[in-house]
């Protein structure tokens, strides 16, 4: 049993049950659910737990495609709720619904900021009844892909994958990756947001946060019904800058979850042909509420 599994009080460690091999034949470990959906190798019992999670009236949920700024947003929200620039002591992984044990999630103090990379329809059944507030993060697909690849490389305790980006990226583009297609994910969420106007959902853009985090802090505070002074907002902004957060995580288990956080780093990874592939299917998102920026 690995250290992360022990810390999260999981009954089982991470193991492949439905992995897919990249273009060079290297295995990327996954878990496939009965409905065919692909997820990280967390185990079916933990992935199946999400739908039945008991929600508290003051719970808040952070959602988004993997590596779209969920962790960053989660930390900023924690500071807003506390009203001070103080990093969480428990870490986002402990409130990740499909990863942590129900015992650990249940022990988290209220108000809980829970998080998941699931589709809206896969969320706990009480979300709609409680009108749970949801913060949905977005990021341009090319930088998201690069960060997703490095996540697979860096999280050796979960994936143990060391393949090359050029061999890995076809899996991502085709949606043969944990949590599925970036395109389908956003089409599903766009449809869900439009069909559930009574569900309080705030969409935050990663590139906007990177350019100037102050407006995002103000939006979040308003959405969460938290009154902050201008000084509190400035103090939170100062420590929640991405580079500052990365330095704070150094030497902790979260260090491997934070990489460059740059906008436009995809240009150092994508070939012209691969970039054009993404451009072609991204056109299907032009009629959605999501807009993506590739530079600041």
C-alpha atoms as a PDB file:
ATOM      1  CA  UNK A   1       0.000   0.000   0.000  1.00  0.00           C
ATOM      2  CA  UNK A   2       1.457   3.391  -1.012  1.00  0.00           C
ATOM      3  CA  UNK A   3       1.680   6.407   1.322  1.00  0.00           C
ATOM      4  CA  UNK A   4      -1.136   8.342  -0.371  1.00  0.00           C
ATOM      5  CA  UNK A   5      -3.556   5.420  -0.067  1.00  0.00           C
ATOM      6  CA  UNK A   6      -2.680   5.074   3.609  1.00  0.00           C
ATOM      7  CA  UNK A   7      -3.113   8.815   4.248  1.00  0.00           C
ATOM      8  CA  UNK A   8      -6.536   8.752   2.584  1.00  0.00           C
ATOM      9  CA  UNK A   9      -7.494   5.575   4.496  1.00  0.00           C
ATOM     10  CA  UNK A  10      -8.240   3.714   1.307  1.00  0.00           C
ATOM     11  CA  UNK A  11      -8.830  -0.034   1.501  1.00  0.00           C
ATOM     12  CA  UNK A  12      -6.823  -0.653  -1.654  1.00  0.00           C
ATOM     13  CA  UNK A  13      -3.908   1.011  -3.395  1.00  0.00           C
ATOM     14  CA  UNK A  14      -3.761   2.163  -6.996  1.00  0.00           C
ATOM     15  CA  UNK A  15      -3.663  -0.574  -9.602  1.00  0.00           C
ATOM     16  CA  UNK A  16      -4.398  -0.901 -13.286  1.00  0.00           C
ATOM     17  CA  UNK A  17      -7.564  -2.708 -14.337  1.00  0.00           C
ATOM     18  CA  UNK A  18      -8.142  -1.356 -17.849  1.00  0.00           C
ATOM     19  CA  UNK A  19      -5.002   0.430 -18.993  1.00  0.00           C
ATOM     20  CA  UNK A  20      -4.342   1.648 -22.513  1.00  0.00           C
ATOM     21  CA  UNK A  21      -0.973   1.559 -24.242  1.00  0.00           C
ATOM     22  CA  UNK A  22       0.487   4.632 -25.920  1.00  0.00           C
ATOM     23  CA  UNK A  23       1.936   4.708 -29.430  1.00  0.00           C
ATOM     24  CA  UNK A  24       5.180   3.116 -28.216  1.00  0.00           C
ATOM     25  CA  UNK A  25       3.397   0.372 -26.272  1.00  0.00           C
ATOM     26  CA  UNK A  26       3.861   1.831 -22.782  1.00  0.00           C
ATOM     27  CA  UNK A  27       0.971   1.263 -20.420  1.00  0.00           C
ATOM     28  CA  UNK A  28      -1.065   4.137 -19.014  1.00  0.00           C
ATOM     29  CA  UNK A  29      -3.010   2.537 -16.112  1.00  0.00           C
ATOM     30  CA  UNK A  30      -6.722   3.239 -15.823  1.00  0.00           C
ATOM     31  CA  UNK A  31      -9.935   1.915 -14.349  1.00  0.00           C
ATOM     32  CA  UNK A  32     -12.950   1.308 -16.577  1.00  0.00           C
ATOM     33  CA  UNK A  33     -16.435   1.497 -15.107  1.00  0.00           C
ATOM     34  CA  UNK A  34     -19.304  -0.756 -16.219  1.00  0.00           C
ATOM     35  CA  UNK A  35     -20.688   2.078 -18.391  1.00  0.00           C
ATOM     36  CA  UNK A  36     -17.396   2.159 -20.319  1.00  0.00           C
ATOM     37  CA  UNK A  37     -16.097   5.421 -18.823  1.00  0.00           C
ATOM     38  CA  UNK A  38     -12.314   5.559 -18.154  1.00  0.00           C
ATOM     39  CA  UNK A  39     -10.918   6.955 -14.909  1.00  0.00           C
ATOM     40  CA  UNK A  40      -7.608   6.967 -13.024  1.00  0.00           C
ATOM     41  CA  UNK A  41      -6.723   3.638 -11.356  1.00  0.00           C
ATOM     42  CA  UNK A  42      -8.601   4.558  -8.173  1.00  0.00           C
ATOM     43  CA  UNK A  43     -10.717   1.383  -8.116  1.00  0.00           C
ATOM     44  CA  UNK A  44     -14.388   0.890  -8.959  1.00  0.00           C
ATOM     45  CA  UNK A  45     -15.489   0.976  -5.319  1.00  0.00           C
ATOM     46  CA  UNK A  46     -14.221   4.553  -4.870  1.00  0.00           C
ATOM     47  CA  UNK A  47     -15.465   5.758  -8.239  1.00  0.00           C
ATOM     48  CA  UNK A  48     -18.887   4.265  -7.479  1.00  0.00           C
ATOM     49  CA  UNK A  49     -19.059   6.053  -4.106  1.00  0.00           C
ATOM     50  CA  UNK A  50     -19.456   9.509  -5.644  1.00  0.00           C
ATOM     51  CA  UNK A  51     -23.124   9.272  -6.597  1.00  0.00           C
ATOM     52  CA  UNK A  52     -24.163   8.402  -3.029  1.00  0.00           C
ATOM     53  CA  UNK A  53     -22.027  10.934  -1.114  1.00  0.00           C
ATOM     54  CA  UNK A  54     -24.096  12.633   1.588  1.00  0.00           C
ATOM     55  CA  UNK A  55     -24.018  16.369   0.956  1.00  0.00           C
ATOM     56  CA  UNK A  56     -24.239  18.987   3.687  1.00  0.00           C
ATOM     57  CA  UNK A  57     -26.266  22.160   3.136  1.00  0.00           C
ATOM     58  CA  UNK A  58     -23.133  24.340   3.177  1.00  0.00           C
ATOM     59  CA  UNK A  59     -20.965  22.132   0.944  1.00  0.00           C
ATOM     60  CA  UNK A  60     -19.315  23.717  -2.086  1.00  0.00           C
ATOM     61  CA  UNK A  61     -18.065  21.755  -5.071  1.00  0.00           C
ATOM     62  CA  UNK A  62     -15.162  22.484  -7.428  1.00  0.00           C
ATOM     63  CA  UNK A  63     -15.474  20.768 -10.804  1.00  0.00           C
ATOM     64  CA  UNK A  64     -13.538  20.865 -14.046  1.00  0.00           C
ATOM     65  CA  UNK A  65     -11.546  18.777 -16.457  1.00  0.00           C
ATOM     66  CA  UNK A  66      -8.242  17.512 -14.975  1.00  0.00           C
ATOM     67  CA  UNK A  67      -5.449  20.116 -14.885  1.00  0.00           C
ATOM     68  CA  UNK A  68      -7.766  23.040 -15.610  1.00  0.00           C
ATOM     69  CA  UNK A  69      -6.970  24.916 -12.398  1.00  0.00           C
ATOM     70  CA  UNK A  70      -9.129  22.992  -9.917  1.00  0.00           C
ATOM     71  CA  UNK A  71      -6.408  22.782  -7.259  1.00  0.00           C
ATOM     72  CA  UNK A  72      -5.521  26.458  -7.531  1.00  0.00           C
ATOM     73  CA  UNK A  73      -9.179  27.499  -7.354  1.00  0.00           C
ATOM     74  CA  UNK A  74      -9.778  25.155  -4.409  1.00  0.00           C
ATOM     75  CA  UNK A  75      -7.014  26.844  -2.396  1.00  0.00           C
ATOM     76  CA  UNK A  76      -8.232  30.354  -3.226  1.00  0.00           C
ATOM     77  CA  UNK A  77     -11.760  29.421  -2.170  1.00  0.00           C
ATOM     78  CA  UNK A  78     -10.463  28.117   1.145  1.00  0.00           C
ATOM     79  CA  UNK A  79      -8.751  31.450   1.824  1.00  0.00           C
ATOM     80  CA  UNK A  80     -11.913  33.357   0.946  1.00  0.00           C
ATOM     81  CA  UNK A  81     -14.021  31.299   3.341  1.00  0.00           C
ATOM     82  CA  UNK A  82     -11.471  31.831   6.115  1.00  0.00           C
ATOM     83  CA  UNK A  83     -11.060  35.489   5.235  1.00  0.00           C
ATOM     84  CA  UNK A  84      -7.276  35.253   5.409  1.00  0.00           C
ATOM     85  CA  UNK A  85      -4.316  34.204   3.221  1.00  0.00           C
ATOM     86  CA  UNK A  86      -3.803  30.819   4.820  1.00  0.00           C
ATOM     87  CA  UNK A  87      -3.195  27.605   2.888  1.00  0.00           C
ATOM     88  CA  UNK A  88      -5.205  24.506   3.682  1.00  0.00           C
ATOM     89  CA  UNK A  89      -3.761  21.986   6.102  1.00  0.00           C
ATOM     90  CA  UNK A  90      -5.672  19.023   4.691  1.00  0.00           C
ATOM     91  CA  UNK A  91      -5.005  19.293   0.958  1.00  0.00           C
ATOM     92  CA  UNK A  92      -7.374  18.966  -1.983  1.00  0.00           C
ATOM     93  CA  UNK A  93      -6.844  15.195  -2.307  1.00  0.00           C
ATOM     94  CA  UNK A  94      -8.628  14.587   0.993  1.00  0.00           C
ATOM     95  CA  UNK A  95     -11.846  16.101  -0.341  1.00  0.00           C
ATOM     96  CA  UNK A  96     -11.622  14.588  -3.842  1.00  0.00           C
ATOM     97  CA  UNK A  97     -14.766  12.481  -3.985  1.00  0.00           C
ATOM     98  CA  UNK A  98     -13.522   9.721  -6.289  1.00  0.00           C
ATOM     99  CA  UNK A  99     -10.088   9.402  -4.671  1.00  0.00           C
ATOM    100  CA  UNK A 100     -10.417   9.715  -0.904  1.00  0.00           C
ATOM    101  CA  UNK A 101     -12.183   7.298   1.404  1.00  0.00           C
ATOM    102  CA  UNK A 102     -15.691   8.273   2.579  1.00  0.00           C
ATOM    103  CA  UNK A 103     -14.315   8.249   6.126  1.00  0.00           C
ATOM    104  CA  UNK A 104     -11.796  11.009   5.367  1.00  0.00           C
ATOM    105  CA  UNK A 105     -14.240  13.092   3.330  1.00  0.00           C
ATOM    106  CA  UNK A 106     -16.859  12.856   6.066  1.00  0.00           C
ATOM    107  CA  UNK A 107     -14.333  13.971   8.684  1.00  0.00           C
ATOM    108  CA  UNK A 108     -13.586  17.220   6.818  1.00  0.00           C
ATOM    109  CA  UNK A 109     -14.935  20.242   8.747  1.00  0.00           C
ATOM    110  CA  UNK A 110     -17.730  22.390   7.357  1.00  0.00           C
ATOM    111  CA  UNK A 111     -17.995  24.223   5.143  1.00  0.00           C
ATOM    112  CA  UNK A 112     -16.387  21.542   2.976  1.00  0.00           C
ATOM    113  CA  UNK A 113     -14.923  22.424  -0.395  1.00  0.00           C
ATOM    114  CA  UNK A 114     -15.328  19.115  -2.189  1.00  0.00           C
ATOM    115  CA  UNK A 115     -13.924  18.462  -5.644  1.00  0.00           C
ATOM    116  CA  UNK A 116     -14.273  16.038  -8.538  1.00  0.00           C
ATOM    117  CA  UNK A 117     -13.628  15.724 -12.271  1.00  0.00           C
ATOM    118  CA  UNK A 118     -16.948  13.996 -12.929  1.00  0.00           C
ATOM    119  CA  UNK A 119     -19.690  15.038 -15.346  1.00  0.00           C
ATOM    120  CA  UNK A 120     -22.644  16.914 -13.813  1.00  0.00           C
ATOM    121  CA  UNK A 121     -24.909  13.876 -14.216  1.00  0.00           C
ATOM    122  CA  UNK A 122     -22.411  11.761 -12.250  1.00  0.00           C
ATOM    123  CA  UNK A 123     -22.345  14.040  -9.198  1.00  0.00           C
ATOM    124  CA  UNK A 124     -23.925  13.124  -5.849  1.00  0.00           C
ATOM    125  CA  UNK A 125     -27.694  12.817  -6.089  1.00  0.00           C
ATOM    126  CA  UNK A 126     -28.255  15.487  -3.421  1.00  0.00           C
ATOM    127  CA  UNK A 127     -26.520  18.210  -5.458  1.00  0.00           C
ATOM    128  CA  UNK A 128     -29.733  19.302  -7.147  1.00  0.00           C
ATOM    129  CA  UNK A 129     -31.901  19.036  -4.045  1.00  0.00           C
ATOM    130  CA  UNK A 130     -29.500  21.102  -1.937  1.00  0.00           C
ATOM    131  CA  UNK A 131     -28.782  23.590  -4.726  1.00  0.00           C
ATOM    132  CA  UNK A 132     -25.099  23.022  -3.973  1.00  0.00           C
ATOM    133  CA  UNK A 133     -22.865  25.806  -5.254  1.00  0.00           C
ATOM    134  CA  UNK A 134     -20.494  24.624  -7.991  1.00  0.00           C
ATOM    135  CA  UNK A 135     -17.379  26.399  -9.251  1.00  0.00           C
ATOM    136  CA  UNK A 136     -16.418  25.092 -12.696  1.00  0.00           C
ATOM    137  CA  UNK A 137     -12.869  25.712 -13.949  1.00  0.00           C
ATOM    138  CA  UNK A 138     -11.832  25.970 -17.599  1.00  0.00           C
ATOM    139  CA  UNK A 139      -8.477  26.169 -19.361  1.00  0.00           C
ATOM    140  CA  UNK A 140      -7.414  26.072 -22.995  1.00  0.00           C
ATOM    141  CA  UNK A 141      -7.177  22.450 -24.189  1.00  0.00           C
ATOM    142  CA  UNK A 142      -3.568  22.515 -25.380  1.00  0.00           C
ATOM    143  CA  UNK A 143      -2.061  23.715 -22.099  1.00  0.00           C
ATOM    144  CA  UNK A 144      -4.459  21.358 -20.316  1.00  0.00           C
ATOM    145  CA  UNK A 145      -3.122  18.441 -22.361  1.00  0.00           C
ATOM    146  CA  UNK A 146       0.501  19.274 -21.558  1.00  0.00           C
ATOM    147  CA  UNK A 147      -0.288  19.519 -17.857  1.00  0.00           C
ATOM    148  CA  UNK A 148      -2.294  16.271 -17.989  1.00  0.00           C
ATOM    149  CA  UNK A 149       0.659  14.469 -19.587  1.00  0.00           C
ATOM    150  CA  UNK A 150       3.075  15.746 -16.951  1.00  0.00           C
ATOM    151  CA  UNK A 151       0.601  14.739 -14.270  1.00  0.00           C
ATOM    152  CA  UNK A 152       0.813  11.167 -15.558  1.00  0.00           C
ATOM    153  CA  UNK A 153       4.601  11.374 -15.546  1.00  0.00           C
ATOM    154  CA  UNK A 154       4.954  13.003 -12.124  1.00  0.00           C
ATOM    155  CA  UNK A 155       2.392  11.007 -10.141  1.00  0.00           C
ATOM    156  CA  UNK A 156       4.476   7.847 -10.166  1.00  0.00           C
ATOM    157  CA  UNK A 157       2.646   6.371  -7.175  1.00  0.00           C
ATOM    158  CA  UNK A 158      -0.567   6.322  -9.220  1.00  0.00           C
ATOM    159  CA  UNK A 159       0.490   5.936 -12.859  1.00  0.00           C
ATOM    160  CA  UNK A 160       4.144   4.853 -12.979  1.00  0.00           C
ATOM    161  CA  UNK A 161       4.217   6.063 -16.587  1.00  0.00           C
ATOM    162  CA  UNK A 162       7.324   7.396 -18.330  1.00  0.00           C
ATOM    163  CA  UNK A 163       6.300   7.596 -21.988  1.00  0.00           C
ATOM    164  CA  UNK A 164       7.027  10.452 -24.396  1.00  0.00           C
ATOM    165  CA  UNK A 165       4.537  13.233 -25.092  1.00  0.00           C
ATOM    166  CA  UNK A 166       4.438  12.409 -28.803  1.00  0.00           C
ATOM    167  CA  UNK A 167       3.376   8.851 -28.001  1.00  0.00           C
ATOM    168  CA  UNK A 168       0.880   9.946 -25.333  1.00  0.00           C
ATOM    169  CA  UNK A 169      -0.929  12.846 -27.025  1.00  0.00           C
ATOM    170  CA  UNK A 170      -2.940  10.703 -29.512  1.00  0.00           C
ATOM    171  CA  UNK A 171      -4.668   9.096 -26.522  1.00  0.00           C
ATOM    172  CA  UNK A 172      -5.624  12.519 -25.162  1.00  0.00           C
ATOM    173  CA  UNK A 173      -6.835  13.916 -28.478  1.00  0.00           C
ATOM    174  CA  UNK A 174      -9.009  10.837 -29.096  1.00  0.00           C
ATOM    175  CA  UNK A 175     -10.395  10.884 -25.533  1.00  0.00           C
ATOM    176  CA  UNK A 176      -8.793   7.555 -24.605  1.00  0.00           C
ATOM    177  CA  UNK A 177      -7.618   9.008 -21.326  1.00  0.00           C
ATOM    178  CA  UNK A 178      -8.766   9.236 -17.711  1.00  0.00           C
ATOM    179  CA  UNK A 179     -12.023  11.214 -17.470  1.00  0.00           C
ATOM    180  CA  UNK A 180     -12.422  10.932 -21.226  1.00  0.00           C
ATOM    181  CA  UNK A 181     -12.510  13.495 -23.984  1.00  0.00           C
ATOM    182  CA  UNK A 182     -11.913  17.166 -23.220  1.00  0.00           C
ATOM    183  CA  UNK A 183     -14.431  17.960 -25.958  1.00  0.00           C
ATOM    184  CA  UNK A 184     -17.164  15.664 -24.637  1.00  0.00           C
ATOM    185  CA  UNK A 185     -16.550  16.809 -21.072  1.00  0.00           C
ATOM    186  CA  UNK A 186     -17.196  20.446 -21.948  1.00  0.00           C
ATOM    187  CA  UNK A 187     -20.147  19.688 -24.222  1.00  0.00           C
ATOM    188  CA  UNK A 188     -21.733  17.697 -21.374  1.00  0.00           C
ATOM    189  CA  UNK A 189     -21.171  20.474 -18.834  1.00  0.00           C
ATOM    190  CA  UNK A 190     -22.397  23.204 -21.194  1.00  0.00           C
ATOM    191  CA  UNK A 191     -25.623  21.250 -21.692  1.00  0.00           C
ATOM    192  CA  UNK A 192     -25.983  20.620 -17.950  1.00  0.00           C
ATOM    193  CA  UNK A 193     -25.479  24.277 -17.010  1.00  0.00           C
ATOM    194  CA  UNK A 194     -28.034  25.424 -19.573  1.00  0.00           C
ATOM    195  CA  UNK A 195     -30.591  22.802 -18.522  1.00  0.00           C
ATOM    196  CA  UNK A 196     -30.210  23.494 -14.801  1.00  0.00           C
ATOM    197  CA  UNK A 197     -30.591  27.286 -14.460  1.00  0.00           C
ATOM    198  CA  UNK A 198     -31.538  26.934 -10.774  1.00  0.00           C
ATOM    199  CA  UNK A 199     -28.222  25.280  -9.939  1.00  0.00           C
ATOM    200  CA  UNK A 200     -25.753  27.970  -8.774  1.00  0.00           C
ATOM    201  CA  UNK A 201     -22.704  27.473 -11.008  1.00  0.00           C
ATOM    202  CA  UNK A 202     -19.818  29.906 -11.488  1.00  0.00           C
ATOM    203  CA  UNK A 203     -17.471  29.361 -14.446  1.00  0.00           C
ATOM    204  CA  UNK A 204     -13.876  30.527 -13.870  1.00  0.00           C
ATOM    205  CA  UNK A 205     -11.259  30.790 -16.604  1.00  0.00           C
ATOM    206  CA  UNK A 206      -7.685  29.752 -15.816  1.00  0.00           C
ATOM    207  CA  UNK A 207      -6.117  32.287 -18.174  1.00  0.00           C
ATOM    208  CA  UNK A 208      -8.123  35.114 -16.607  1.00  0.00           C
ATOM    209  CA  UNK A 209      -6.884  34.080 -13.157  1.00  0.00           C
ATOM    210  CA  UNK A 210      -3.335  33.919 -14.411  1.00  0.00           C
ATOM    211  CA  UNK A 211      -3.482  37.374 -15.967  1.00  0.00           C
ATOM    212  CA  UNK A 212      -5.023  39.055 -12.905  1.00  0.00           C
ATOM    213  CA  UNK A 213      -6.359  37.029 -10.007  1.00  0.00           C
ATOM    214  CA  UNK A 214      -8.058  39.933  -8.228  1.00  0.00           C
ATOM    215  CA  UNK A 215     -11.278  39.914 -10.326  1.00  0.00           C
ATOM    216  CA  UNK A 216     -11.586  36.146  -9.832  1.00  0.00           C
ATOM    217  CA  UNK A 217     -11.240  36.509  -6.050  1.00  0.00           C
ATOM    218  CA  UNK A 218     -13.991  39.122  -6.070  1.00  0.00           C
ATOM    219  CA  UNK A 219     -16.246  36.923  -8.222  1.00  0.00           C
ATOM    220  CA  UNK A 220     -15.688  33.948  -5.950  1.00  0.00           C
ATOM    221  CA  UNK A 221     -16.334  35.962  -2.795  1.00  0.00           C
ATOM    222  CA  UNK A 222     -19.604  37.288  -4.209  1.00  0.00           C
ATOM    223  CA  UNK A 223     -20.645  33.805  -5.369  1.00  0.00           C
ATOM    224  CA  UNK A 224     -19.841  32.328  -1.949  1.00  0.00           C
ATOM    225  CA  UNK A 225     -21.643  35.156  -0.130  1.00  0.00           C
ATOM    226  CA  UNK A 226     -18.491  36.187   1.715  1.00  0.00           C
ATOM    227  CA  UNK A 227     -17.890  39.853   2.459  1.00  0.00           C
ATOM    228  CA  UNK A 228     -14.193  40.679   2.203  1.00  0.00           C
ATOM    229  CA  UNK A 229     -12.494  44.002   2.724  1.00  0.00           C
ATOM    230  CA  UNK A 230     -10.253  45.282  -0.033  1.00  0.00           C
ATOM    231  CA  UNK A 231      -7.259  44.576   2.197  1.00  0.00           C
ATOM    232  CA  UNK A 232      -8.349  40.945   2.640  1.00  0.00           C
ATOM    233  CA  UNK A 233      -8.718  40.595  -1.120  1.00  0.00           C
ATOM    234  CA  UNK A 234      -5.251  42.041  -1.688  1.00  0.00           C
ATOM    235  CA  UNK A 235      -3.724  39.783   0.975  1.00  0.00           C
ATOM    236  CA  UNK A 236      -5.293  36.661  -0.534  1.00  0.00           C
ATOM    237  CA  UNK A 237      -4.187  37.687  -4.025  1.00  0.00           C
ATOM    238  CA  UNK A 238      -0.616  38.139  -2.863  1.00  0.00           C
ATOM    239  CA  UNK A 239      -0.251  34.575  -1.576  1.00  0.00           C
ATOM    240  CA  UNK A 240      -2.493  32.840  -4.108  1.00  0.00           C
ATOM    241  CA  UNK A 241      -0.387  33.826  -7.089  1.00  0.00           C
ATOM    242  CA  UNK A 242       0.471  30.550  -8.862  1.00  0.00           C
ATOM    243  CA  UNK A 243       4.231  30.868  -8.400  1.00  0.00           C
ATOM    244  CA  UNK A 244       3.814  31.676  -4.705  1.00  0.00           C
ATOM    245  CA  UNK A 245       1.538  28.674  -4.247  1.00  0.00           C
ATOM    246  CA  UNK A 246       4.043  26.418  -5.997  1.00  0.00           C
ATOM    247  CA  UNK A 247       6.827  27.540  -3.653  1.00  0.00           C
ATOM    248  CA  UNK A 248       4.591  26.958  -0.607  1.00  0.00           C
ATOM    249  CA  UNK A 249       3.982  23.370  -1.729  1.00  0.00           C
ATOM    250  CA  UNK A 250       7.649  22.523  -2.076  1.00  0.00           C
ATOM    251  CA  UNK A 251       8.504  19.462  -0.027  1.00  0.00           C
ATOM    252  CA  UNK A 252       4.864  18.497   0.482  1.00  0.00           C
ATOM    253  CA  UNK A 253       2.800  15.733  -1.198  1.00  0.00           C
ATOM    254  CA  UNK A 254       1.068  18.419  -3.279  1.00  0.00           C
ATOM    255  CA  UNK A 255       4.369  19.478  -4.890  1.00  0.00           C
ATOM    256  CA  UNK A 256       3.932  16.967  -7.713  1.00  0.00           C
ATOM    257  CA  UNK A 257       0.500  18.370  -8.530  1.00  0.00           C
ATOM    258  CA  UNK A 258       1.834  21.832  -9.344  1.00  0.00           C
ATOM    259  CA  UNK A 259       4.058  22.352 -12.391  1.00  0.00           C
ATOM    260  CA  UNK A 260       4.657  25.535 -14.414  1.00  0.00           C
ATOM    261  CA  UNK A 261       1.158  26.956 -14.552  1.00  0.00           C
ATOM    262  CA  UNK A 262       2.102  28.871 -17.679  1.00  0.00           C
ATOM    263  CA  UNK A 263      -0.184  30.006 -20.470  1.00  0.00           C
ATOM    264  CA  UNK A 264       1.217  29.113 -23.892  1.00  0.00           C
ATOM    265  CA  UNK A 265       3.641  26.389 -22.812  1.00  0.00           C
ATOM    266  CA  UNK A 266       1.841  24.089 -25.273  1.00  0.00           C
ATOM    267  CA  UNK A 267       3.902  25.667 -28.089  1.00  0.00           C
ATOM    268  CA  UNK A 268       6.950  23.830 -26.704  1.00  0.00           C
ATOM    269  CA  UNK A 269       5.173  20.467 -26.955  1.00  0.00           C
ATOM    270  CA  UNK A 270       2.703  20.371 -29.830  1.00  0.00           C
ATOM    271  CA  UNK A 271       3.612  19.755 -33.448  1.00  0.00           C
ATOM    272  CA  UNK A 272       1.746  21.815 -36.042  1.00  0.00           C
ATOM    273  CA  UNK A 273      -0.254  18.754 -37.085  1.00  0.00           C
ATOM    274  CA  UNK A 274      -1.327  17.920 -33.523  1.00  0.00           C
ATOM    275  CA  UNK A 275      -2.224  21.547 -32.853  1.00  0.00           C
ATOM    276  CA  UNK A 276      -4.422  21.607 -35.952  1.00  0.00           C
ATOM    277  CA  UNK A 277      -6.188  18.444 -34.787  1.00  0.00           C
ATOM    278  CA  UNK A 278      -7.204  20.158 -31.573  1.00  0.00           C
ATOM    279  CA  UNK A 279      -8.251  23.281 -33.494  1.00  0.00           C
ATOM    280  CA  UNK A 280     -10.586  21.199 -35.649  1.00  0.00           C
ATOM    281  CA  UNK A 281     -12.535  19.547 -32.854  1.00  0.00           C
ATOM    282  CA  UNK A 282     -12.469  22.673 -30.707  1.00  0.00           C
ATOM    283  CA  UNK A 283     -14.707  24.329 -33.299  1.00  0.00           C
ATOM    284  CA  UNK A 284     -17.524  22.212 -31.846  1.00  0.00           C
ATOM    285  CA  UNK A 285     -17.206  24.261 -28.638  1.00  0.00           C
ATOM    286  CA  UNK A 286     -17.738  27.588 -30.400  1.00  0.00           C
ATOM    287  CA  UNK A 287     -21.470  27.499 -29.641  1.00  0.00           C
ATOM    288  CA  UNK A 288     -20.930  26.752 -25.952  1.00  0.00           C
ATOM    289  CA  UNK A 289     -20.367  29.149 -23.057  1.00  0.00           C
ATOM    290  CA  UNK A 290     -16.687  28.232 -22.912  1.00  0.00           C
ATOM    291  CA  UNK A 291     -14.031  30.435 -24.494  1.00  0.00           C
ATOM    292  CA  UNK A 292     -10.349  29.543 -24.493  1.00  0.00           C
ATOM    293  CA  UNK A 293      -7.285  31.765 -24.623  1.00  0.00           C
ATOM    294  CA  UNK A 294      -3.888  30.517 -25.757  1.00  0.00           C
ATOM    295  CA  UNK A 295      -1.852  33.518 -24.643  1.00  0.00           C
ATOM    296  CA  UNK A 296      -2.096  36.462 -22.264  1.00  0.00           C
END
